[in-house]
Amino acid sequence: QVQLVESGGGSVQAGGSLRLSCVASGTTAFHRYYVGWFRGAPGSVRKEREGVAVIATYDSTTYADSVRGRFTISRDNAKNVLYLQMNNLRPDDTAMYYCAADAGYLDLRTTTRAQTYWGQGTQVNVSA
């Protein structure tokens, strides 16, 4: 059973930066997982979450249009950690940010696969 724990959220002013982290445990094959960041309202169900950025197993990255050029997703397979560097934050980036991992498949629109593991989320608040 894979467990994901996010951290790094907080409150910043518009134009500021935050770096989110997601630590994975319960697997020695983290490098084989598709991993990504999604966002939504606190307590949102999976299908309500918006895809932010995803890394495929071959390190191909995909970004939502709204964050491309401002956010950077990366992973450290040696440490089982996924990151999201968020720069030039805007008030409409305010959301709960969730980490997801799937050994089979994951993209920005795929949020309802039963095989996908999710973290509990970390809240990001951006004020004008």
Protein backbone atom coordinates (compact mmCIF):
# COMPACT_ATOMS: atom_id res chain seq x y z
CA GLN A 1 0.00 0.00 0.00
CA VAL A 2 1.53 3.29 -1.11
CA GLN A 3 1.16 6.26 1.21
CA LEU A 4 1.63 9.86 0.08
CA VAL A 5 2.21 12.79 2.41
CA GLU A 6 2.25 16.35 1.11
CA SER A 7 3.86 19.38 2.72
CA GLY A 8 4.95 22.90 1.85
CA GLY A 9 1.63 24.66 1.54
CA GLY A 10 0.97 28.01 3.15
CA SER A 11 -0.13 31.58 2.63
CA VAL A 12 1.65 33.95 0.26
CA GLN A 13 0.94 37.16 -1.58
CA ALA A 14 0.42 37.25 -5.32
CA GLY A 15 3.73 37.00 -7.13
CA GLY A 16 5.25 34.87 -4.40
CA SER A 17 6.57 31.32 -4.53
CA LEU A 18 6.05 28.03 -2.73
CA ARG A 19 7.57 24.59 -3.11
CA LEU A 20 5.37 21.59 -2.40
CA SER A 21 6.75 18.17 -1.54
CA CYS A 22 5.15 14.74 -1.56
CA VAL A 23 6.91 11.86 0.16
CA ALA A 24 5.94 8.35 -0.92
CA SER A 25 6.29 5.28 1.28
CA GLY A 26 5.32 1.64 0.95
CA THR A 27 7.02 1.04 -2.37
CA THR A 28 10.52 0.41 -3.66
CA ALA A 29 9.38 1.10 -7.23
CA PHE A 30 8.48 4.77 -6.99
CA HIS A 31 10.45 5.40 -10.19
CA ARG A 32 7.94 3.26 -12.07
CA TYR A 33 4.93 5.31 -11.03
CA TYR A 34 3.22 8.04 -12.92
CA VAL A 35 3.01 10.91 -10.41
CA GLY A 36 1.29 14.24 -10.42
CA TRP A 37 -0.25 17.20 -8.65
CA PHE A 38 -3.94 18.03 -8.67
CA ARG A 39 -5.89 20.75 -6.91
CA GLY A 40 -9.38 21.33 -5.68
CA ALA A 41 -11.49 22.43 -2.78
CA PRO A 42 -10.65 20.96 0.63
CA GLY A 43 -12.38 17.59 0.94
CA SER A 44 -13.16 17.46 -2.77
CA VAL A 45 -13.86 14.12 -4.40
CA ARG A 46 -11.41 12.93 -7.01
CA LYS A 47 -13.48 13.74 -10.08
CA GLU A 48 -13.74 17.36 -8.95
CA ARG A 49 -9.98 17.89 -8.88
CA GLU A 50 -8.10 19.77 -11.55
CA GLY A 51 -4.90 18.36 -12.98
CA VAL A 52 -1.95 20.71 -12.48
CA ALA A 53 1.12 18.75 -13.61
CA VAL A 54 2.05 15.13 -14.23
CA ILE A 55 5.30 13.21 -14.76
CA ALA A 56 5.13 9.95 -16.65
CA THR A 57 7.45 7.05 -15.88
CA TYR A 58 9.77 8.11 -18.73
CA ASP A 59 9.97 11.62 -17.21
CA SER A 60 7.75 13.28 -19.76
CA THR A 61 5.96 16.22 -18.11
CA THR A 62 2.56 17.71 -18.80
CA TYR A 63 1.18 20.96 -17.41
CA ALA A 64 -2.21 22.61 -17.28
CA ASP A 65 -2.35 25.70 -19.47
CA SER A 66 -3.06 27.85 -16.43
CA VAL A 67 0.26 26.98 -14.76
CA ARG A 68 2.62 26.37 -17.66
CA GLY A 69 5.67 28.62 -17.38
CA ARG A 70 5.03 29.30 -13.68
CA PHE A 71 5.06 25.83 -12.10
CA THR A 72 7.68 23.09 -12.40
CA ILE A 73 7.13 19.47 -11.45
CA SER A 74 10.08 17.23 -10.62
CA ARG A 75 10.85 13.99 -8.81
CA ASP A 76 13.72 12.50 -6.83
CA ASN A 77 13.39 8.76 -7.23
CA ALA A 78 16.25 8.06 -4.84
CA LYS A 79 14.31 9.78 -2.05
CA ASN A 80 10.79 8.84 -3.20
CA VAL A 81 9.82 12.49 -3.34
CA LEU A 82 7.73 14.49 -5.80
CA TYR A 83 8.01 18.29 -5.94
CA LEU A 84 6.04 21.20 -7.33
CA GLN A 85 7.84 24.52 -7.56
CA MET A 86 5.24 27.26 -7.86
CA ASN A 87 6.38 30.73 -8.91
CA ASN A 88 4.48 33.93 -9.66
CA LEU A 89 1.49 32.66 -7.73
CA ARG A 90 -1.92 34.17 -8.38
CA PRO A 91 -5.06 34.33 -6.23
CA ASP A 92 -6.75 31.81 -8.52
CA ASP A 93 -4.05 29.28 -7.59
CA THR A 94 -5.63 29.11 -4.12
CA ALA A 95 -6.67 25.50 -3.51
CA MET A 96 -5.89 22.29 -1.72
CA TYR A 97 -3.06 20.59 -3.62
CA TYR A 98 -3.10 16.80 -3.79
CA CYS A 99 -0.32 14.43 -4.76
CA ALA A 100 -1.24 11.33 -6.79
CA ALA A 101 0.63 8.22 -7.90
CA ASP A 102 -0.39 5.40 -10.19
CA ALA A 103 1.65 2.43 -11.38
CA GLY A 104 -0.45 2.06 -14.51
CA TYR A 105 -1.38 5.44 -15.91
CA LEU A 106 -2.02 9.05 -14.91
CA ASP A 107 -2.70 12.24 -16.84
CA LEU A 108 -4.22 15.63 -16.09
CA ARG A 109 -7.76 14.42 -16.68
CA THR A 110 -7.57 10.95 -15.14
CA THR A 111 -8.63 11.22 -11.53
CA THR A 112 -11.02 8.33 -10.97
CA ARG A 113 -8.89 5.21 -11.47
CA ALA A 114 -9.25 2.91 -8.50
CA GLN A 115 -5.53 2.13 -8.70
CA THR A 116 -4.47 5.73 -8.07
CA TYR A 117 -3.07 6.61 -4.66
CA TRP A 118 -3.77 10.04 -3.20
CA GLY A 119 -2.37 12.11 -0.40
CA GLN A 120 -4.43 14.12 2.05
CA GLY A 121 -3.51 17.45 0.52
CA THR A 122 -1.74 20.65 1.50
CA GLN A 123 -3.50 24.02 1.40
CA VAL A 124 -2.17 26.92 -0.65
CA ASN A 125 -3.62 30.40 -0.14
CA VAL A 126 -2.64 33.29 -2.38
CA SER A 127 -3.81 36.79 -1.51
CA ALA A 128 -4.00 39.72 -3.89
